[in-house]
Amino acid sequence: MAQPQSSSGTDGPIAAWGESVPLSPGDTLRNGLSDMTLSVTLLAHEWQVRVARHPGAREETAWRQWCDSTLPEHDEGLERFARGNEAPRVALRPALADLPLIVRPNHPLHLPPGTDTTIYMSTLVWLQLLVGDDRRLMEVPVRQPSWTWMGADTMEGELCYASLTAARLEPDNLPRRPWRAMSAVRLRHEGDDYLTLDRFSFPAPIMPLFRQSEPGVDGAHSLWTPTLSIRCERDLATASLKVEATPPPEAGPCTALAPARQPVERNHLVRTMDRIFG
């Protein structure tokens, strides 16, 4: 693993997801992802974490990470954590959202009867900050999510995050970002009429994360989730859901990176299936 660098930024991270970066007191590990900057400072008796967001800024396409011995000038978004006896090292681990996502295609997609259609989408990850032997200090979304409600009315349903997707039909057309997890959603429509897909629920909390073992088309080791299979026997009311064990073949060889937030329990899946399409 490369040693921390003192620079204004690099074209890639010092360490891959989950790999530790050793720090000395006074060092700050800085990360530029999307429109946010995450800085982690090690002091003699505490960790300091600063999160600065830059709304309206052009989204970066590369994860910039560098280390220096200069304390941050500003205390924007400062969180302080007393140190224990953990080793002076820090790592970042990705995780999917802690709530389901209500995913809306930019334009409705009409599925012919008796067809199998796979759409490809990507979702922003949360950053879990680990110190020492993987003790978690905190987590933060790469971008602040928007809230929405999924349910028949305000009394029955659940709070979710809102997400938009282009619903690509070719995986190579999906833009790659280090902080986005790619997913294949396989839709099997067994009904007699066209099925209009204008939104669906993506069960992020019960899905683990994988990382490509070999570089993809963009030369990076992208994040992937297992394939999500949705089967409609007649219409939306008869939909059933299954989280497959692995990412789709298009992802190539992958290794497990982060477990699901929640175990896959039958009752949870039933509740999820009841609200696949709202």
Protein backbone atom coordinates (compact mmCIF):
# COMPACT_ATOMS: atom_id res chain seq x y z
CA MET A 1 0.00 0.00 0.00
CA ALA A 2 1.30 3.44 -0.89
CA GLN A 3 2.28 5.73 1.93
CA PRO A 4 0.34 8.95 2.57
CA GLN A 5 1.40 11.76 0.30
CA SER A 6 1.78 15.46 1.01
CA SER A 7 0.19 17.12 -1.97
CA SER A 8 -2.83 19.07 -3.07
CA GLY A 9 -4.48 15.88 -4.23
CA THR A 10 -3.99 12.84 -6.41
CA ASP A 11 -5.97 11.15 -9.14
CA GLY A 12 -6.81 8.26 -6.83
CA PRO A 13 -6.99 7.33 -3.17
CA ILE A 14 -3.95 6.46 -1.09
CA ALA A 15 -5.73 3.32 0.08
CA ALA A 16 -8.55 1.28 -1.39
CA TRP A 17 -11.88 0.87 0.35
CA GLY A 18 -11.35 -0.67 3.80
CA GLU A 19 -7.56 -0.35 3.76
CA SER A 20 -6.00 1.49 6.69
CA VAL A 21 -3.83 4.60 6.42
CA PRO A 22 -1.38 5.09 9.34
CA LEU A 23 -1.30 8.58 10.84
CA SER A 24 0.91 10.40 13.33
CA PRO A 25 -0.40 13.00 15.80
CA GLY A 26 -0.97 16.21 13.87
CA ASP A 27 -1.65 14.46 10.55
CA THR A 28 -4.84 15.09 8.58
CA LEU A 29 -6.18 12.68 5.98
CA ARG A 30 -8.28 14.58 3.44
CA ASN A 31 -10.77 13.15 0.96
CA GLY A 32 -12.48 14.87 -1.94
CA LEU A 33 -15.51 12.93 -3.19
CA SER A 34 -18.35 14.25 -5.32
CA ASP A 35 -19.15 17.68 -3.85
CA MET A 36 -17.86 17.06 -0.32
CA THR A 37 -14.55 17.14 1.54
CA LEU A 38 -14.00 14.80 4.48
CA SER A 39 -10.99 15.51 6.71
CA VAL A 40 -9.80 13.27 9.55
CA THR A 41 -7.24 14.70 11.98
CA LEU A 42 -5.36 12.66 14.59
CA LEU A 43 -4.38 14.49 17.79
CA ALA A 44 -2.80 13.16 20.98
CA HIS A 45 -6.11 12.42 22.71
CA GLU A 46 -8.79 12.81 20.08
CA TRP A 47 -9.93 12.31 16.52
CA GLN A 48 -11.36 15.32 14.70
CA VAL A 49 -13.62 14.83 11.70
CA ARG A 50 -14.71 17.69 9.45
CA VAL A 51 -17.30 17.40 6.69
CA ALA A 52 -17.60 20.30 4.25
CA ARG A 53 -20.14 20.27 1.45
CA HIS A 54 -19.99 22.42 -1.66
CA PRO A 55 -23.51 22.52 -3.13
CA GLY A 56 -23.65 23.64 -6.72
CA ALA A 57 -20.06 22.64 -7.38
CA ARG A 58 -19.29 20.43 -10.35
CA GLU A 59 -19.28 16.80 -9.27
CA GLU A 60 -15.81 15.30 -9.25
CA THR A 61 -15.27 12.06 -11.14
CA ALA A 62 -12.22 10.87 -9.17
CA TRP A 63 -11.66 10.24 -5.47
CA ARG A 64 -8.91 12.63 -4.36
CA GLN A 65 -7.12 11.64 -1.15
CA TRP A 66 -4.02 13.11 0.43
CA CYS A 67 -2.35 13.44 3.82
CA ASP A 68 -0.49 16.37 5.34
CA SER A 69 0.57 17.73 8.72
CA THR A 70 -1.43 20.95 8.50
CA LEU A 71 -4.44 21.38 10.75
CA PRO A 72 -7.62 22.39 8.90
CA GLU A 73 -8.19 26.15 8.96
CA HIS A 74 -11.95 25.92 9.48
CA ASP A 75 -14.17 24.03 11.90
CA GLU A 76 -17.08 23.62 9.50
CA GLY A 77 -18.92 20.39 10.29
CA LEU A 78 -16.46 19.52 13.09
CA GLU A 79 -17.08 16.38 15.16
CA ARG A 80 -14.69 15.42 17.99
CA PHE A 81 -14.12 11.91 19.32
CA ALA A 82 -12.02 11.03 22.39
CA ARG A 83 -9.35 8.47 21.57
CA GLY A 84 -9.18 5.08 23.19
CA ASN A 85 -6.26 2.70 22.96
CA GLU A 86 -6.78 2.02 19.26
CA ALA A 87 -3.89 2.06 16.83
CA PRO A 88 -3.35 5.39 15.01
CA ARG A 89 -4.81 4.38 11.68
CA VAL A 90 -7.95 5.20 9.76
CA ALA A 91 -9.93 3.57 6.95
CA LEU A 92 -13.04 4.32 4.92
CA ARG A 93 -15.62 1.65 4.16
CA PRO A 94 -18.64 2.13 1.90
CA ALA A 95 -22.17 1.16 2.87
CA LEU A 96 -25.51 1.39 1.15
CA ALA A 97 -28.25 3.64 2.50
CA ASP A 98 -29.83 2.86 5.87
CA LEU A 99 -33.34 3.23 4.42
CA PRO A 100 -34.96 1.92 1.23
CA LEU A 101 -34.65 4.07 -1.88
CA ILE A 102 -37.66 5.11 -3.93
CA VAL A 103 -36.13 5.09 -7.39
CA ARG A 104 -37.80 7.03 -10.19
CA PRO A 105 -36.63 6.72 -13.80
CA ASN A 106 -36.11 10.08 -15.47
CA HIS A 107 -38.73 8.92 -17.98
CA PRO A 108 -41.26 6.09 -17.50
CA LEU A 109 -40.18 2.78 -18.98
CA HIS A 110 -42.85 0.56 -20.58
CA LEU A 111 -42.22 -3.18 -20.42
CA PRO A 112 -43.88 -5.48 -22.99
CA PRO A 113 -45.77 -8.53 -21.68
CA GLY A 114 -43.86 -11.78 -21.42
CA THR A 115 -40.42 -10.18 -21.33
CA ASP A 116 -37.31 -10.03 -19.15
CA THR A 117 -35.75 -6.58 -18.93
CA THR A 118 -32.63 -5.60 -16.98
CA ILE A 119 -32.05 -1.98 -16.05
CA TYR A 120 -28.78 -0.68 -14.64
CA MET A 121 -28.61 2.03 -12.01
CA SER A 122 -26.18 3.42 -9.48
CA THR A 123 -26.69 4.70 -5.96
CA LEU A 124 -24.58 6.92 -3.72
CA VAL A 125 -22.89 5.23 -0.79
CA TRP A 126 -22.40 6.25 2.82
CA LEU A 127 -18.85 6.57 4.17
CA GLN A 128 -18.13 4.65 7.36
CA LEU A 129 -15.09 6.01 9.17
CA LEU A 130 -13.09 3.27 10.92
CA VAL A 131 -10.15 3.73 13.30
CA GLY A 132 -7.78 1.27 14.91
CA ASP A 133 -9.03 -2.28 14.47
CA ASP A 134 -12.10 -1.18 12.49
CA ARG A 135 -13.90 0.63 15.31
CA ARG A 136 -16.51 2.82 13.66
CA LEU A 137 -16.46 6.47 14.63
CA MET A 138 -19.26 7.75 12.41
CA GLU A 139 -20.77 7.56 8.96
CA VAL A 140 -21.86 10.20 6.52
CA PRO A 141 -23.56 10.11 3.10
CA VAL A 142 -21.45 11.28 0.19
CA ARG A 143 -24.37 13.56 -0.68
CA GLN A 144 -27.27 14.58 1.54
CA PRO A 145 -30.26 12.45 0.47
CA SER A 146 -33.80 13.70 -0.07
CA TRP A 147 -36.63 12.22 1.98
CA THR A 148 -39.84 10.76 0.66
CA TRP A 149 -42.71 8.62 1.94
CA MET A 150 -43.65 5.21 0.63
CA GLY A 151 -47.11 3.98 1.48
CA ALA A 152 -50.82 4.11 0.81
CA ASP A 153 -51.32 7.07 3.19
CA THR A 154 -49.61 8.95 6.01
CA MET A 155 -50.60 6.29 8.54
CA GLU A 156 -49.31 3.22 6.71
CA GLY A 157 -45.92 3.20 5.06
CA GLU A 158 -42.30 4.03 5.77
CA LEU A 159 -39.81 6.85 5.42
CA CYS A 160 -37.42 6.39 2.49
CA TYR A 161 -34.85 8.24 0.45
CA ALA A 162 -35.65 9.52 -3.04
CA SER A 163 -33.40 8.70 -5.98
CA LEU A 164 -33.46 9.33 -9.73
CA THR A 165 -32.08 7.01 -12.37
CA ALA A 166 -31.65 7.04 -16.12
CA ALA A 167 -32.60 3.32 -16.07
CA ARG A 168 -29.87 2.37 -18.53
CA LEU A 169 -30.39 -0.81 -20.52
CA GLU A 170 -26.68 -1.26 -21.30
CA PRO A 171 -24.22 -1.53 -18.38
CA ASP A 172 -21.42 0.18 -20.33
CA ASN A 173 -23.57 3.32 -20.55
CA LEU A 174 -23.62 3.67 -16.77
CA PRO A 175 -21.28 6.45 -15.55
CA ARG A 176 -18.70 5.15 -13.06
CA ARG A 177 -17.90 6.94 -9.82
CA PRO A 178 -15.85 5.51 -6.92
CA TRP A 179 -18.61 6.51 -4.45
CA ARG A 180 -21.49 4.96 -6.40
CA ALA A 181 -22.59 1.33 -6.24
CA MET A 182 -23.91 -0.15 -9.46
CA SER A 183 -26.88 -2.49 -9.55
CA ALA A 184 -28.70 -4.65 -12.06
CA VAL A 185 -32.48 -4.78 -11.57
CA ARG A 186 -33.98 -7.68 -13.48
CA LEU A 187 -37.71 -7.30 -14.23
CA ARG A 188 -39.66 -10.36 -15.32
CA HIS A 189 -43.09 -9.34 -16.62
CA GLU A 190 -45.45 -12.30 -17.03
CA GLY A 191 -48.65 -10.28 -17.47
CA ASP A 192 -50.74 -9.75 -20.59
CA ASP A 193 -50.46 -5.96 -20.88
CA TYR A 194 -47.66 -3.40 -20.92
CA LEU A 195 -46.21 -2.63 -17.49
CA THR A 196 -45.23 0.99 -16.85
CA LEU A 197 -42.26 1.39 -14.54
CA ASP A 198 -42.37 4.90 -13.11
CA ARG A 199 -40.94 4.12 -9.66
CA PHE A 200 -39.89 1.19 -7.53
CA SER A 201 -38.43 0.50 -4.09
CA PHE A 202 -34.78 -0.53 -3.86
CA PRO A 203 -34.14 -2.37 -0.53
CA ALA A 204 -30.71 -0.90 0.18
CA PRO A 205 -30.46 -1.92 3.88
CA ILE A 206 -30.63 -5.66 3.08
CA MET A 207 -28.09 -5.61 0.26
CA PRO A 208 -24.34 -6.20 0.73
CA LEU A 209 -21.61 -4.51 -1.28
CA PHE A 210 -19.05 -6.11 -3.58
CA ARG A 211 -15.94 -4.75 -5.29
CA GLN A 212 -14.68 -5.78 -8.70
CA SER A 213 -11.64 -8.05 -8.38
CA GLU A 214 -10.34 -6.85 -11.73
CA PRO A 215 -10.52 -3.36 -13.27
CA GLY A 216 -13.63 -2.68 -15.32
CA VAL A 217 -14.03 -0.83 -18.61
CA ASP A 218 -12.95 2.42 -16.93
CA GLY A 219 -9.85 0.88 -15.36
CA ALA A 220 -11.32 1.08 -11.84
CA HIS A 221 -12.56 -1.50 -9.35
CA SER A 222 -16.20 -0.46 -9.20
CA LEU A 223 -18.67 -1.22 -6.43
CA TRP A 224 -21.59 -3.53 -7.20
CA THR A 225 -24.61 -4.87 -5.34
CA PRO A 226 -26.20 -8.27 -5.88
CA THR A 227 -28.75 -8.46 -8.66
CA LEU A 228 -32.27 -7.47 -7.63
CA SER A 229 -34.89 -9.66 -9.34
CA ILE A 230 -38.52 -8.49 -9.51
CA ARG A 231 -41.21 -10.77 -10.90
CA CYS A 232 -44.68 -9.59 -11.87
CA GLU A 233 -47.08 -12.48 -12.50
CA ARG A 234 -49.94 -10.28 -13.70
CA ASP A 235 -49.52 -6.67 -12.62
CA LEU A 236 -47.80 -4.52 -10.02
CA ALA A 237 -49.97 -5.92 -7.23
CA THR A 238 -48.55 -9.42 -7.80
CA ALA A 239 -44.88 -8.42 -7.74
CA SER A 240 -42.35 -10.46 -5.77
CA LEU A 241 -38.75 -9.63 -5.01
CA LYS A 242 -35.53 -11.60 -4.63
CA VAL A 243 -32.03 -10.42 -3.75
CA GLU A 244 -29.61 -12.70 -5.58
CA ALA A 245 -26.42 -13.94 -3.95
CA THR A 246 -23.96 -12.20 -6.28
CA PRO A 247 -23.64 -9.26 -8.69
CA PRO A 248 -24.59 -9.85 -12.33
CA PRO A 249 -22.15 -11.53 -14.74
CA GLU A 250 -21.51 -8.14 -16.37
CA ALA A 251 -19.67 -7.07 -13.21
CA GLY A 252 -17.03 -9.75 -13.69
CA PRO A 253 -15.28 -11.40 -10.72
CA CYS A 254 -16.12 -9.61 -7.47
CA THR A 255 -15.15 -9.94 -3.83
CA ALA A 256 -17.36 -9.21 -0.83
CA LEU A 257 -16.57 -5.80 0.66
CA ALA A 258 -19.27 -4.84 3.17
CA PRO A 259 -22.16 -6.83 4.67
CA ALA A 260 -25.78 -5.75 4.49
CA ARG A 261 -26.92 -3.45 7.28
CA GLN A 262 -29.84 -5.73 8.11
CA PRO A 263 -30.14 -9.52 7.90
CA VAL A 264 -32.48 -10.77 5.22
CA GLU A 265 -35.48 -11.87 7.23
CA ARG A 266 -38.61 -13.25 5.67
CA ASN A 267 -40.94 -10.74 7.34
CA HIS A 268 -38.79 -7.85 6.18
CA LEU A 269 -38.84 -9.13 2.62
CA VAL A 270 -42.61 -9.45 2.73
CA ARG A 271 -42.94 -5.83 3.84
CA THR A 272 -40.51 -4.79 1.13
CA MET A 273 -42.43 -6.71 -1.54
CA ASP A 274 -45.70 -5.13 -0.45
CA ARG A 275 -44.25 -1.76 -1.41
CA ILE A 276 -42.06 -2.55 -4.42
CA PHE A 277 -43.99 -0.17 -6.63
CA GLY A 278 -45.65 1.97 -3.97
